[in-house]
Structures are given as structure tokens and as C-alpha cells.
Amino acid sequence: MLSPSEFVLLLPGLVAGLTVHEYNHALAAKLLGDASAERDGRLTLNPFKHLAPLGLLALFVLGFGWAKPVSINVYNFKRPRLYLVLTALAGPASNLLLAAAVILWINTVPMGITALRILILTAYINVVLAVINVLPIPPLDGSRLWTVLVPRSSPINGSWANIGFVILILAALRLGLLDRLFTGILELVSAFIVIA
């Protein structure tokens, strides 16, 4: 469970990461022919359109959270399988770009210790979001890769997605697998940071 002070330091990076992630799903879908997310009001950088209150609460209590998923209608895509994967990968890709921009900012602009801590956490959180979301486990973005890699497969939704989510929670809380992954990501991010 995060302490209130830890949560306050993590919140800006988390809000930015989740917002950019979901916005880019919506943008990619729009550019590829599906305006469903735009009609739902998700083609915006307003975080209140993307954040899930229960997901933020879960982050505070469990150390693991989520945002509202963007609705996508694959029947609006000319190449449904490929465009679904591209739309799914747009979210993690945007998190990596945001992390890179933040690291560049840290490395070139002098700042106070609190701002520095928030920005370092922002870079870290966004790399975590990118890596976690490309795992091929429903309901994560990486599960969409199965629609291209496995012939005649379809996107995994419903009960299978819920089972995948339970597996991920158990891995995070019980098996310690994600803890080791997070430590590796923190070391990777730290290697690129040179304090200005």
C-alpha cells in the first residue's frame, strides 16, 4: 500500500501517463478509420475523460491500477487485425515517448528536488506502463497481438480478459514477478538520467 506522500509524488506521472496512453489509442483508431472513441469523447487530453476512480483507488491500496478502456469497433477498420494491433500499440508507444521527453527535460533543465523526484517517477511510471501493457495477457494491449500471430483468432474479451487481469494481480501481489520487472525498469531509467 502506498503512503499518502508516495501517492502524491506518483500521481502527476500516473495521470499524465494514463491520459496520454488512452488518448493515443483513441487517436490511432480515428486515424485508421474508427471514430468510436471520438464519439465517446475520448479523443481528448482531459484526464477526467480517461481516469477510472476505482482504478486510482486500487493503485493507492494495491499498488496496481487502471484507466477506462477506449472503445474500438474493428469493423470500421479496412484491415481489422493489423489496425487493431496498431491501435493497441499506440498507447504503450506514447508512454515510451513521454518517458523519453521527461528524461531529456531532467537532463537539460536544472530544478528543485521535489520537481526532480516527480519527473523521475513520471519517466519510471511511463516505462512501466509501456512494458506492462505489451505483455500478451488479456486485457492488456499486448493481448491484441494474438489476433495477428494466431490465424483465425479474435480479440480476447469478457471472461477471458477478467481471468487475465486476475492472473496479473496475483503475479503482482503474490508471486513477486512484477516486483523484479519493476526493479529492472527503474535501473534502466536511472541509467539514462544525468542530473542537470
N, C-alpha and C. Protein backbone atom coordinates (compact mmCIF):
# COMPACT_ATOMS: atom_id res chain seq x y z
N MET A 1 0.85 -1.20 0.00
CA MET A 1 0.00 0.00 0.00
C MET A 1 0.88 1.24 0.00
N LEU A 2 0.58 2.20 -0.88
CA LEU A 2 1.35 3.43 -0.96
C LEU A 2 1.01 4.36 0.19
N SER A 3 2.02 5.07 0.69
CA SER A 3 1.75 6.10 1.69
C SER A 3 1.18 7.32 0.98
N PRO A 4 0.49 8.21 1.72
CA PRO A 4 -0.05 9.43 1.08
C PRO A 4 1.02 10.25 0.36
N SER A 5 2.21 10.37 0.95
CA SER A 5 3.27 11.17 0.32
C SER A 5 3.76 10.51 -0.97
N GLU A 6 3.89 9.18 -0.96
CA GLU A 6 4.29 8.46 -2.18
C GLU A 6 3.24 8.63 -3.27
N PHE A 7 1.98 8.54 -2.87
CA PHE A 7 0.90 8.66 -3.84
C PHE A 7 0.90 10.04 -4.47
N VAL A 8 1.14 11.09 -3.67
CA VAL A 8 1.16 12.47 -4.20
C VAL A 8 2.29 12.64 -5.21
N LEU A 9 3.45 12.05 -4.93
CA LEU A 9 4.57 12.15 -5.86
C LEU A 9 4.34 11.35 -7.14
N LEU A 10 3.64 10.22 -7.02
CA LEU A 10 3.37 9.37 -8.19
C LEU A 10 2.23 9.89 -9.05
N LEU A 11 1.30 10.62 -8.43
CA LEU A 11 0.05 10.98 -9.11
C LEU A 11 0.25 11.76 -10.40
N PRO A 12 1.09 12.81 -10.43
CA PRO A 12 1.23 13.56 -11.70
C PRO A 12 1.69 12.69 -12.87
N GLY A 13 2.68 11.85 -12.63
CA GLY A 13 3.18 10.98 -13.69
C GLY A 13 2.18 9.93 -14.11
N LEU A 14 1.44 9.43 -13.13
CA LEU A 14 0.44 8.42 -13.43
C LEU A 14 -0.71 9.02 -14.24
N VAL A 15 -1.20 10.19 -13.82
CA VAL A 15 -2.29 10.85 -14.54
C VAL A 15 -1.86 11.17 -15.97
N ALA A 16 -0.64 11.73 -16.10
CA ALA A 16 -0.13 12.05 -17.44
C ALA A 16 0.01 10.80 -18.28
N GLY A 17 0.55 9.73 -17.70
CA GLY A 17 0.78 8.50 -18.44
C GLY A 17 -0.50 7.84 -18.90
N LEU A 18 -1.47 7.72 -18.00
CA LEU A 18 -2.74 7.09 -18.36
C LEU A 18 -3.50 7.92 -19.38
N THR A 19 -3.45 9.25 -19.22
CA THR A 19 -4.17 10.14 -20.15
C THR A 19 -3.58 10.05 -21.56
N VAL A 20 -2.25 10.16 -21.65
CA VAL A 20 -1.58 10.09 -22.95
C VAL A 20 -1.81 8.71 -23.59
N HIS A 21 -1.74 7.68 -22.77
CA HIS A 21 -1.92 6.31 -23.25
C HIS A 21 -3.31 6.13 -23.89
N GLU A 22 -4.35 6.50 -23.18
CA GLU A 22 -5.71 6.30 -23.69
C GLU A 22 -6.01 7.26 -24.85
N TYR A 23 -5.51 8.48 -24.76
CA TYR A 23 -5.71 9.44 -25.86
C TYR A 23 -5.13 8.89 -27.16
N ASN A 24 -3.95 8.29 -27.07
CA ASN A 24 -3.31 7.80 -28.29
C ASN A 24 -3.97 6.54 -28.84
N HIS A 25 -4.60 5.75 -27.99
CA HIS A 25 -5.46 4.68 -28.51
C HIS A 25 -6.57 5.30 -29.36
N ALA A 26 -7.23 6.33 -28.80
CA ALA A 26 -8.35 6.97 -29.50
C ALA A 26 -7.88 7.64 -30.79
N LEU A 27 -6.71 8.30 -30.74
CA LEU A 27 -6.19 8.99 -31.92
C LEU A 27 -5.83 7.99 -33.02
N ALA A 28 -5.15 6.90 -32.65
CA ALA A 28 -4.77 5.89 -33.64
C ALA A 28 -6.01 5.28 -34.28
N ALA A 29 -7.02 4.97 -33.47
CA ALA A 29 -8.26 4.41 -34.01
C ALA A 29 -8.91 5.38 -35.00
N LYS A 30 -8.93 6.65 -34.63
CA LYS A 30 -9.52 7.67 -35.51
C LYS A 30 -8.76 7.75 -36.83
N LEU A 31 -7.45 7.80 -36.76
CA LEU A 31 -6.63 7.91 -37.97
C LEU A 31 -6.76 6.67 -38.86
N LEU A 32 -7.05 5.53 -38.26
CA LEU A 32 -7.16 4.28 -39.02
C LEU A 32 -8.60 3.97 -39.44
N GLY A 33 -9.53 4.86 -39.12
CA GLY A 33 -10.88 4.71 -39.65
C GLY A 33 -12.01 4.46 -38.68
N ASP A 34 -11.70 4.37 -37.37
CA ASP A 34 -12.77 4.12 -36.39
C ASP A 34 -12.91 5.33 -35.47
N ALA A 35 -14.05 5.98 -35.54
CA ALA A 35 -14.30 7.19 -34.74
C ALA A 35 -15.10 6.90 -33.47
N SER A 36 -15.18 5.63 -33.07
CA SER A 36 -15.97 5.27 -31.88
C SER A 36 -15.50 6.01 -30.64
N ALA A 37 -14.19 6.01 -30.41
CA ALA A 37 -13.64 6.67 -29.22
C ALA A 37 -13.87 8.18 -29.28
N GLU A 38 -13.77 8.76 -30.47
CA GLU A 38 -14.02 10.20 -30.61
C GLU A 38 -15.47 10.52 -30.25
N ARG A 39 -16.41 9.68 -30.70
CA ARG A 39 -17.83 9.90 -30.38
C ARG A 39 -18.08 9.75 -28.87
N ASP A 40 -17.25 8.94 -28.22
CA ASP A 40 -17.39 8.76 -26.77
C ASP A 40 -16.72 9.88 -25.98
N GLY A 41 -16.13 10.84 -26.68
CA GLY A 41 -15.45 11.94 -26.01
C GLY A 41 -14.07 11.61 -25.50
N ARG A 42 -13.45 10.56 -26.05
CA ARG A 42 -12.14 10.12 -25.56
C ARG A 42 -10.97 10.68 -26.37
N LEU A 43 -11.24 11.39 -27.46
CA LEU A 43 -10.16 11.98 -28.23
C LEU A 43 -9.83 13.34 -27.62
N THR A 44 -9.32 13.30 -26.40
CA THR A 44 -9.03 14.50 -25.63
C THR A 44 -7.91 14.20 -24.64
N LEU A 45 -7.20 15.24 -24.26
CA LEU A 45 -6.17 15.11 -23.23
C LEU A 45 -6.70 15.51 -21.85
N ASN A 46 -8.01 15.64 -21.74
CA ASN A 46 -8.63 15.90 -20.44
C ASN A 46 -8.58 14.61 -19.62
N PRO A 47 -7.80 14.57 -18.52
CA PRO A 47 -7.64 13.32 -17.77
C PRO A 47 -8.94 12.78 -17.19
N PHE A 48 -9.89 13.66 -16.91
CA PHE A 48 -11.15 13.20 -16.30
C PHE A 48 -11.97 12.33 -17.25
N LYS A 49 -11.67 12.41 -18.55
CA LYS A 49 -12.35 11.56 -19.52
C LYS A 49 -11.76 10.15 -19.57
N HIS A 50 -10.57 9.98 -18.99
CA HIS A 50 -9.86 8.71 -19.11
C HIS A 50 -9.66 7.98 -17.79
N LEU A 51 -9.60 8.70 -16.68
CA LEU A 51 -9.29 8.07 -15.41
C LEU A 51 -10.49 7.33 -14.84
N ALA A 52 -10.23 6.20 -14.23
CA ALA A 52 -11.26 5.41 -13.55
C ALA A 52 -11.04 5.57 -12.04
N PRO A 53 -12.00 6.15 -11.31
CA PRO A 53 -11.82 6.35 -9.87
C PRO A 53 -11.44 5.07 -9.13
N LEU A 54 -12.09 3.96 -9.48
CA LEU A 54 -11.77 2.69 -8.83
C LEU A 54 -10.34 2.25 -9.16
N GLY A 55 -9.89 2.54 -10.39
CA GLY A 55 -8.53 2.20 -10.78
C GLY A 55 -7.50 2.98 -9.99
N LEU A 56 -7.77 4.27 -9.73
CA LEU A 56 -6.87 5.08 -8.92
C LEU A 56 -6.87 4.62 -7.46
N LEU A 57 -8.04 4.26 -6.96
CA LEU A 57 -8.13 3.76 -5.59
C LEU A 57 -7.36 2.46 -5.45
N ALA A 58 -7.49 1.59 -6.45
CA ALA A 58 -6.76 0.32 -6.43
C ALA A 58 -5.25 0.56 -6.41
N LEU A 59 -4.81 1.58 -7.14
CA LEU A 59 -3.39 1.90 -7.15
C LEU A 59 -2.92 2.28 -5.75
N PHE A 60 -3.72 3.09 -5.06
CA PHE A 60 -3.36 3.54 -3.72
C PHE A 60 -3.35 2.37 -2.73
N VAL A 61 -4.32 1.45 -2.85
CA VAL A 61 -4.46 0.36 -1.90
C VAL A 61 -3.59 -0.84 -2.28
N LEU A 62 -3.59 -1.19 -3.59
CA LEU A 62 -2.91 -2.41 -4.03
C LEU A 62 -1.57 -2.17 -4.70
N GLY A 63 -1.33 -0.90 -5.10
CA GLY A 63 -0.12 -0.61 -5.88
C GLY A 63 -0.28 -0.97 -7.34
N PHE A 64 -1.54 -1.16 -7.79
CA PHE A 64 -1.83 -1.56 -9.16
C PHE A 64 -3.16 -0.95 -9.56
N GLY A 65 -3.19 -0.23 -10.69
CA GLY A 65 -4.44 0.43 -11.08
C GLY A 65 -4.68 0.38 -12.57
N TRP A 66 -5.69 1.12 -13.04
CA TRP A 66 -6.06 1.11 -14.45
C TRP A 66 -6.85 2.36 -14.80
N ALA A 67 -7.03 2.58 -16.11
CA ALA A 67 -7.85 3.68 -16.62
C ALA A 67 -9.06 3.08 -17.34
N LYS A 68 -9.97 3.94 -17.80
CA LYS A 68 -11.12 3.47 -18.58
C LYS A 68 -10.62 3.00 -19.94
N PRO A 69 -11.00 1.82 -20.38
CA PRO A 69 -10.59 1.37 -21.72
C PRO A 69 -11.29 2.17 -22.81
N VAL A 70 -10.58 2.38 -23.91
CA VAL A 70 -11.15 3.08 -25.07
C VAL A 70 -11.91 2.07 -25.93
N SER A 71 -13.14 2.43 -26.31
CA SER A 71 -13.93 1.52 -27.15
C SER A 71 -13.45 1.59 -28.60
N ILE A 72 -13.32 0.42 -29.21
CA ILE A 72 -12.87 0.31 -30.59
C ILE A 72 -13.78 -0.67 -31.33
N ASN A 73 -14.21 -0.28 -32.50
CA ASN A 73 -15.03 -1.14 -33.35
C ASN A 73 -14.18 -1.57 -34.55
N VAL A 74 -13.69 -2.80 -34.50
CA VAL A 74 -12.77 -3.28 -35.54
C VAL A 74 -13.44 -3.35 -36.91
N TYR A 75 -14.78 -3.38 -36.95
CA TYR A 75 -15.47 -3.45 -38.24
C TYR A 75 -15.37 -2.15 -39.02
N ASN A 76 -14.88 -1.09 -38.37
CA ASN A 76 -14.65 0.17 -39.08
C ASN A 76 -13.26 0.23 -39.71
N PHE A 77 -12.42 -0.75 -39.43
CA PHE A 77 -11.07 -0.79 -39.98
C PHE A 77 -11.07 -1.52 -41.32
N LYS A 78 -10.30 -1.00 -42.28
CA LYS A 78 -10.17 -1.69 -43.56
C LYS A 78 -9.37 -2.98 -43.41
N ARG A 79 -8.40 -2.97 -42.50
CA ARG A 79 -7.61 -4.18 -42.21
C ARG A 79 -7.72 -4.43 -40.71
N PRO A 80 -8.81 -5.08 -40.28
CA PRO A 80 -9.15 -5.16 -38.85
C PRO A 80 -8.04 -5.69 -37.94
N ARG A 81 -7.43 -6.81 -38.31
CA ARG A 81 -6.41 -7.39 -37.43
C ARG A 81 -5.21 -6.47 -37.26
N LEU A 82 -4.67 -6.01 -38.38
CA LEU A 82 -3.49 -5.16 -38.34
C LEU A 82 -3.79 -3.83 -37.63
N TYR A 83 -4.89 -3.20 -37.98
CA TYR A 83 -5.20 -1.90 -37.41
C TYR A 83 -5.54 -2.00 -35.92
N LEU A 84 -6.11 -3.12 -35.50
CA LEU A 84 -6.37 -3.32 -34.08
C LEU A 84 -5.05 -3.36 -33.30
N VAL A 85 -4.08 -4.08 -33.84
CA VAL A 85 -2.77 -4.17 -33.19
C VAL A 85 -2.09 -2.79 -33.16
N LEU A 86 -2.14 -2.07 -34.28
CA LEU A 86 -1.53 -0.74 -34.32
C LEU A 86 -2.18 0.20 -33.32
N THR A 87 -3.50 0.12 -33.22
CA THR A 87 -4.22 0.96 -32.25
C THR A 87 -3.83 0.58 -30.83
N ALA A 88 -3.72 -0.71 -30.56
CA ALA A 88 -3.34 -1.17 -29.23
C ALA A 88 -1.94 -0.72 -28.86
N LEU A 89 -1.00 -0.80 -29.81
CA LEU A 89 0.39 -0.45 -29.53
C LEU A 89 0.63 1.05 -29.45
N ALA A 90 -0.33 1.85 -29.94
CA ALA A 90 -0.18 3.31 -29.88
C ALA A 90 -0.10 3.80 -28.44
N GLY A 91 -0.80 3.14 -27.53
CA GLY A 91 -0.77 3.54 -26.11
C GLY A 91 0.60 3.35 -25.49
N PRO A 92 1.15 2.12 -25.49
CA PRO A 92 2.49 1.92 -24.94
C PRO A 92 3.57 2.75 -25.63
N ALA A 93 3.47 2.91 -26.96
CA ALA A 93 4.46 3.71 -27.68
C ALA A 93 4.45 5.16 -27.19
N SER A 94 3.26 5.69 -26.91
CA SER A 94 3.17 7.07 -26.43
C SER A 94 3.77 7.20 -25.04
N ASN A 95 3.65 6.15 -24.21
CA ASN A 95 4.26 6.19 -22.89
C ASN A 95 5.78 6.22 -22.98
N LEU A 96 6.35 5.47 -23.92
CA LEU A 96 7.80 5.50 -24.10
C LEU A 96 8.28 6.86 -24.58
N LEU A 97 7.52 7.47 -25.50
CA LEU A 97 7.89 8.81 -25.98
C LEU A 97 7.80 9.84 -24.86
N LEU A 98 6.77 9.73 -24.03
CA LEU A 98 6.64 10.66 -22.90
C LEU A 98 7.79 10.48 -21.92
N ALA A 99 8.15 9.23 -21.62
CA ALA A 99 9.27 8.97 -20.72
C ALA A 99 10.57 9.54 -21.29
N ALA A 100 10.78 9.37 -22.59
CA ALA A 100 12.00 9.91 -23.22
C ALA A 100 12.03 11.43 -23.14
N ALA A 101 10.88 12.07 -23.36
CA ALA A 101 10.82 13.55 -23.28
C ALA A 101 11.11 14.02 -21.87
N VAL A 102 10.58 13.31 -20.88
CA VAL A 102 10.80 13.69 -19.48
C VAL A 102 12.27 13.51 -19.10
N ILE A 103 12.89 12.42 -19.54
CA ILE A 103 14.31 12.20 -19.25
C ILE A 103 15.16 13.29 -19.89
N LEU A 104 14.82 13.68 -21.12
CA LEU A 104 15.53 14.77 -21.79
C LEU A 104 15.40 16.06 -20.98
N TRP A 105 14.21 16.32 -20.48
CA TRP A 105 13.96 17.51 -19.65
C TRP A 105 14.82 17.46 -18.38
N ILE A 106 14.83 16.31 -17.71
CA ILE A 106 15.62 16.16 -16.48
C ILE A 106 17.09 16.42 -16.76
N ASN A 107 17.56 15.91 -17.90
CA ASN A 107 18.99 16.00 -18.22
C ASN A 107 19.44 17.39 -18.68
N THR A 108 18.49 18.27 -19.00
CA THR A 108 18.88 19.57 -19.56
C THR A 108 18.41 20.78 -18.75
N VAL A 109 17.46 20.60 -17.85
CA VAL A 109 16.91 21.74 -17.11
C VAL A 109 17.15 21.57 -15.62
N PRO A 110 17.90 22.49 -14.98
CA PRO A 110 18.08 22.41 -13.52
C PRO A 110 16.74 22.62 -12.81
N MET A 111 16.53 21.91 -11.70
CA MET A 111 15.25 22.02 -10.98
C MET A 111 15.42 21.62 -9.53
N GLY A 112 14.42 21.93 -8.73
CA GLY A 112 14.43 21.59 -7.32
C GLY A 112 14.24 20.10 -7.09
N ILE A 113 14.50 19.66 -5.87
CA ILE A 113 14.49 18.23 -5.56
C ILE A 113 13.10 17.63 -5.70
N THR A 114 12.05 18.36 -5.31
CA THR A 114 10.70 17.80 -5.40
C THR A 114 10.29 17.61 -6.86
N ALA A 115 10.53 18.65 -7.68
CA ALA A 115 10.21 18.55 -9.11
C ALA A 115 11.01 17.42 -9.75
N LEU A 116 12.28 17.29 -9.34
CA LEU A 116 13.14 16.23 -9.88
C LEU A 116 12.57 14.85 -9.54
N ARG A 117 12.15 14.67 -8.30
CA ARG A 117 11.59 13.38 -7.88
C ARG A 117 10.32 13.06 -8.66
N ILE A 118 9.46 14.06 -8.85
CA ILE A 118 8.21 13.84 -9.58
C ILE A 118 8.50 13.45 -11.03
N LEU A 119 9.47 14.13 -11.66
CA LEU A 119 9.78 13.84 -13.05
C LEU A 119 10.46 12.48 -13.22
N ILE A 120 11.33 12.12 -12.29
CA ILE A 120 11.96 10.80 -12.35
C ILE A 120 10.88 9.72 -12.22
N LEU A 121 9.95 9.91 -11.30
CA LEU A 121 8.85 8.95 -11.14
C LEU A 121 7.96 8.93 -12.38
N THR A 122 7.78 10.09 -13.01
CA THR A 122 6.98 10.15 -14.24
C THR A 122 7.62 9.32 -15.34
N ALA A 123 8.93 9.46 -15.50
CA ALA A 123 9.63 8.66 -16.51
C ALA A 123 9.51 7.18 -16.18
N TYR A 124 9.74 6.83 -14.93
CA TYR A 124 9.67 5.44 -14.50
C TYR A 124 8.27 4.85 -14.72
N ILE A 125 7.25 5.57 -14.28
CA ILE A 125 5.87 5.09 -14.40
C ILE A 125 5.52 4.85 -15.86
N ASN A 126 5.94 5.75 -16.74
CA ASN A 126 5.58 5.61 -18.15
C ASN A 126 6.29 4.45 -18.83
N VAL A 127 7.51 4.17 -18.42
CA VAL A 127 8.17 2.97 -18.95
C VAL A 127 7.48 1.72 -18.42
N VAL A 128 7.09 1.74 -17.15
CA VAL A 128 6.34 0.61 -16.57
C VAL A 128 5.03 0.39 -17.32
N LEU A 129 4.29 1.49 -17.58
CA LEU A 129 3.03 1.38 -18.31
C LEU A 129 3.25 0.77 -19.69
N ALA A 130 4.32 1.20 -20.36
CA ALA A 130 4.60 0.68 -21.70
C ALA A 130 4.92 -0.82 -21.65
N VAL A 131 5.81 -1.20 -20.74
CA VAL A 131 6.24 -2.60 -20.67
C VAL A 131 5.10 -3.51 -20.24
N ILE A 132 4.39 -3.12 -19.19
CA ILE A 132 3.28 -3.94 -18.70
C ILE A 132 2.23 -4.12 -19.78
N ASN A 133 1.91 -3.05 -20.49
CA ASN A 133 0.82 -3.11 -21.46
C ASN A 133 1.14 -3.91 -22.71
N VAL A 134 2.41 -4.19 -22.98
CA VAL A 134 2.71 -5.02 -24.15
C VAL A 134 2.79 -6.51 -23.80
N LEU A 135 2.60 -6.85 -22.52
CA LEU A 135 2.54 -8.26 -22.16
C LEU A 135 1.31 -8.89 -22.84
N PRO A 136 1.46 -10.09 -23.39
CA PRO A 136 0.35 -10.71 -24.15
C PRO A 136 -0.69 -11.37 -23.24
N ILE A 137 -1.16 -10.61 -22.25
CA ILE A 137 -2.13 -11.12 -21.27
C ILE A 137 -3.37 -10.25 -21.32
N PRO A 138 -4.55 -10.82 -21.57
CA PRO A 138 -5.79 -10.02 -21.54
C PRO A 138 -5.99 -9.42 -20.15
N PRO A 139 -6.49 -8.22 -20.01
CA PRO A 139 -7.00 -7.33 -21.07
C PRO A 139 -5.95 -6.32 -21.54
N LEU A 140 -4.66 -6.60 -21.35
CA LEU A 140 -3.62 -5.66 -21.71
C LEU A 140 -3.50 -5.52 -23.22
N ASP A 141 -2.89 -4.40 -23.65
CA ASP A 141 -2.77 -4.12 -25.08
C ASP A 141 -2.04 -5.22 -25.84
N GLY A 142 -1.06 -5.83 -25.21
CA GLY A 142 -0.28 -6.88 -25.86
C GLY A 142 -1.11 -8.10 -26.25
N SER A 143 -2.25 -8.29 -25.60
CA SER A 143 -3.10 -9.44 -25.95
C SER A 143 -3.66 -9.30 -27.36
N ARG A 144 -3.69 -8.06 -27.89
CA ARG A 144 -4.19 -7.85 -29.25
C ARG A 144 -3.25 -8.46 -30.30
N LEU A 145 -1.99 -8.70 -29.90
CA LEU A 145 -1.05 -9.31 -30.84
C LEU A 145 -1.49 -10.70 -31.27
N TRP A 146 -2.27 -11.38 -30.41
CA TRP A 146 -2.72 -12.73 -30.76
C TRP A 146 -3.58 -12.70 -32.01
N THR A 147 -4.27 -11.59 -32.26
CA THR A 147 -5.15 -11.53 -33.44
C THR A 147 -4.36 -11.56 -34.74
N VAL A 148 -3.07 -11.20 -34.68
CA VAL A 148 -2.21 -11.24 -35.87
C VAL A 148 -1.37 -12.52 -35.88
N LEU A 149 -0.89 -12.92 -34.70
CA LEU A 149 0.03 -14.06 -34.63
C LEU A 149 -0.67 -15.40 -34.75
N VAL A 150 -1.93 -15.46 -34.31
CA VAL A 150 -2.67 -16.73 -34.33
C VAL A 150 -3.77 -16.66 -35.39
N PRO A 151 -3.67 -17.46 -36.44
CA PRO A 151 -4.69 -17.44 -37.51
C PRO A 151 -6.10 -17.71 -36.97
N ARG A 152 -7.06 -16.96 -37.50
CA ARG A 152 -8.48 -17.10 -37.17
C ARG A 152 -8.82 -16.81 -35.72
N SER A 153 -7.89 -16.19 -35.00
CA SER A 153 -8.20 -15.82 -33.62
C SER A 153 -8.96 -14.51 -33.61
N SER A 154 -9.60 -14.22 -32.51
CA SER A 154 -10.32 -12.96 -32.35
C SER A 154 -9.87 -12.31 -31.05
N PRO A 155 -10.10 -11.01 -30.90
CA PRO A 155 -9.70 -10.34 -29.66
C PRO A 155 -10.30 -11.03 -28.44
N ILE A 156 -9.51 -11.13 -27.38
CA ILE A 156 -9.96 -11.80 -26.18
C ILE A 156 -10.66 -10.79 -25.28
N ASN A 157 -11.92 -11.04 -25.00
CA ASN A 157 -12.71 -10.13 -24.19
C ASN A 157 -13.45 -10.91 -23.10
N GLY A 158 -14.30 -10.19 -22.40
CA GLY A 158 -15.20 -10.83 -21.45
C GLY A 158 -14.49 -11.59 -20.36
N SER A 159 -14.93 -12.84 -20.14
CA SER A 159 -14.41 -13.63 -19.02
C SER A 159 -12.93 -13.93 -19.16
N TRP A 160 -12.45 -14.12 -20.41
CA TRP A 160 -11.02 -14.37 -20.60
C TRP A 160 -10.19 -13.16 -20.19
N ALA A 161 -10.68 -11.97 -20.51
CA ALA A 161 -9.97 -10.76 -20.11
C ALA A 161 -9.94 -10.64 -18.60
N ASN A 162 -11.04 -11.00 -17.94
CA ASN A 162 -11.09 -10.93 -16.48
C ASN A 162 -10.12 -11.93 -15.84
N ILE A 163 -10.03 -13.12 -16.45
CA ILE A 163 -9.09 -14.12 -15.95
C ILE A 163 -7.66 -13.61 -16.07
N GLY A 164 -7.35 -12.98 -17.22
CA GLY A 164 -6.01 -12.42 -17.41
C GLY A 164 -5.69 -11.35 -16.39
N PHE A 165 -6.69 -10.54 -16.07
CA PHE A 165 -6.49 -9.48 -15.08
C PHE A 165 -6.22 -10.08 -13.70
N VAL A 166 -6.95 -11.12 -13.34
CA VAL A 166 -6.74 -11.80 -12.05
C VAL A 166 -5.33 -12.38 -12.00
N ILE A 167 -4.90 -13.00 -13.10
CA ILE A 167 -3.54 -13.57 -13.15
C ILE A 167 -2.49 -12.48 -12.91
N LEU A 168 -2.70 -11.33 -13.55
CA LEU A 168 -1.76 -10.23 -13.41
C LEU A 168 -1.72 -9.71 -11.97
N ILE A 169 -2.88 -9.57 -11.35
CA ILE A 169 -2.94 -9.13 -9.96
C ILE A 169 -2.21 -10.12 -9.05
N LEU A 170 -2.46 -11.41 -9.25
CA LEU A 170 -1.80 -12.43 -8.44
C LEU A 170 -0.29 -12.40 -8.62
N ALA A 171 0.14 -12.21 -9.86
CA ALA A 171 1.58 -12.13 -10.12
C ALA A 171 2.19 -10.95 -9.39
N ALA A 172 1.48 -9.82 -9.39
CA ALA A 172 1.99 -8.61 -8.75
C ALA A 172 2.02 -8.74 -7.23
N LEU A 173 0.97 -9.32 -6.66
CA LEU A 173 0.82 -9.31 -5.21
C LEU A 173 1.40 -10.55 -4.52
N ARG A 174 1.38 -11.69 -5.20
CA ARG A 174 1.76 -12.94 -4.55
C ARG A 174 3.09 -13.51 -5.01
N LEU A 175 3.32 -13.51 -6.30
CA LEU A 175 4.48 -14.20 -6.84
C LEU A 175 5.73 -13.33 -6.90
N GLY A 176 5.56 -12.02 -6.85
CA GLY A 176 6.70 -11.12 -6.88
C GLY A 176 7.34 -10.99 -8.25
N LEU A 177 6.70 -11.51 -9.30
CA LEU A 177 7.28 -11.45 -10.64
C LEU A 177 7.40 -10.02 -11.13
N LEU A 178 6.35 -9.24 -10.91
CA LEU A 178 6.37 -7.86 -11.39
C LEU A 178 7.31 -6.98 -10.58
N ASP A 179 7.54 -7.34 -9.31
CA ASP A 179 8.49 -6.57 -8.49
C ASP A 179 9.87 -6.60 -9.13
N ARG A 180 10.28 -7.77 -9.59
CA ARG A 180 11.60 -7.88 -10.23
C ARG A 180 11.62 -7.11 -11.54
N LEU A 181 10.51 -7.15 -12.27
CA LEU A 181 10.42 -6.40 -13.52
C LEU A 181 10.52 -4.91 -13.25
N PHE A 182 9.81 -4.43 -12.22
CA PHE A 182 9.82 -3.01 -11.88
C PHE A 182 11.22 -2.55 -11.47
N THR A 183 11.93 -3.40 -10.72
CA THR A 183 13.29 -3.05 -10.31
C THR A 183 14.20 -2.90 -11.53
N GLY A 184 14.06 -3.81 -12.48
CA GLY A 184 14.85 -3.72 -13.71
C GLY A 184 14.54 -2.46 -14.50
N ILE A 185 13.27 -2.11 -14.57
CA ILE A 185 12.88 -0.89 -15.30
C ILE A 185 13.44 0.35 -14.60
N LEU A 186 13.38 0.37 -13.27
CA LEU A 186 13.92 1.52 -12.52
C LEU A 186 15.41 1.67 -12.78
N GLU A 187 16.14 0.55 -12.82
CA GLU A 187 17.58 0.61 -13.10
C GLU A 187 17.83 1.10 -14.52
N LEU A 188 16.99 0.67 -15.47
CA LEU A 188 17.14 1.11 -16.86
C LEU A 188 16.90 2.61 -16.99
N VAL A 189 15.82 3.09 -16.39
CA VAL A 189 15.52 4.53 -16.44
C VAL A 189 16.64 5.34 -15.79
N SER A 190 17.12 4.88 -14.64
CA SER A 190 18.18 5.58 -13.92
C SER A 190 19.44 5.69 -14.75
N ALA A 191 19.72 4.68 -15.59
CA ALA A 191 20.94 4.69 -16.41
C ALA A 191 20.92 5.81 -17.43
N PHE A 192 19.73 6.29 -17.82
CA PHE A 192 19.64 7.35 -18.83
C PHE A 192 19.57 8.75 -18.22
N ILE A 193 19.50 8.83 -16.90
CA ILE A 193 19.34 10.13 -16.26
C ILE A 193 20.68 10.69 -15.80
N VAL A 194 20.97 11.89 -16.27
CA VAL A 194 22.14 12.65 -15.83
C VAL A 194 21.62 13.97 -15.32
N ILE A 195 21.64 14.18 -14.01
CA ILE A 195 21.03 15.36 -13.41
C ILE A 195 21.72 16.63 -13.90
N ALA A 196 20.90 17.57 -14.42
CA ALA A 196 21.45 18.84 -14.93
C ALA A 196 21.98 19.71 -13.80
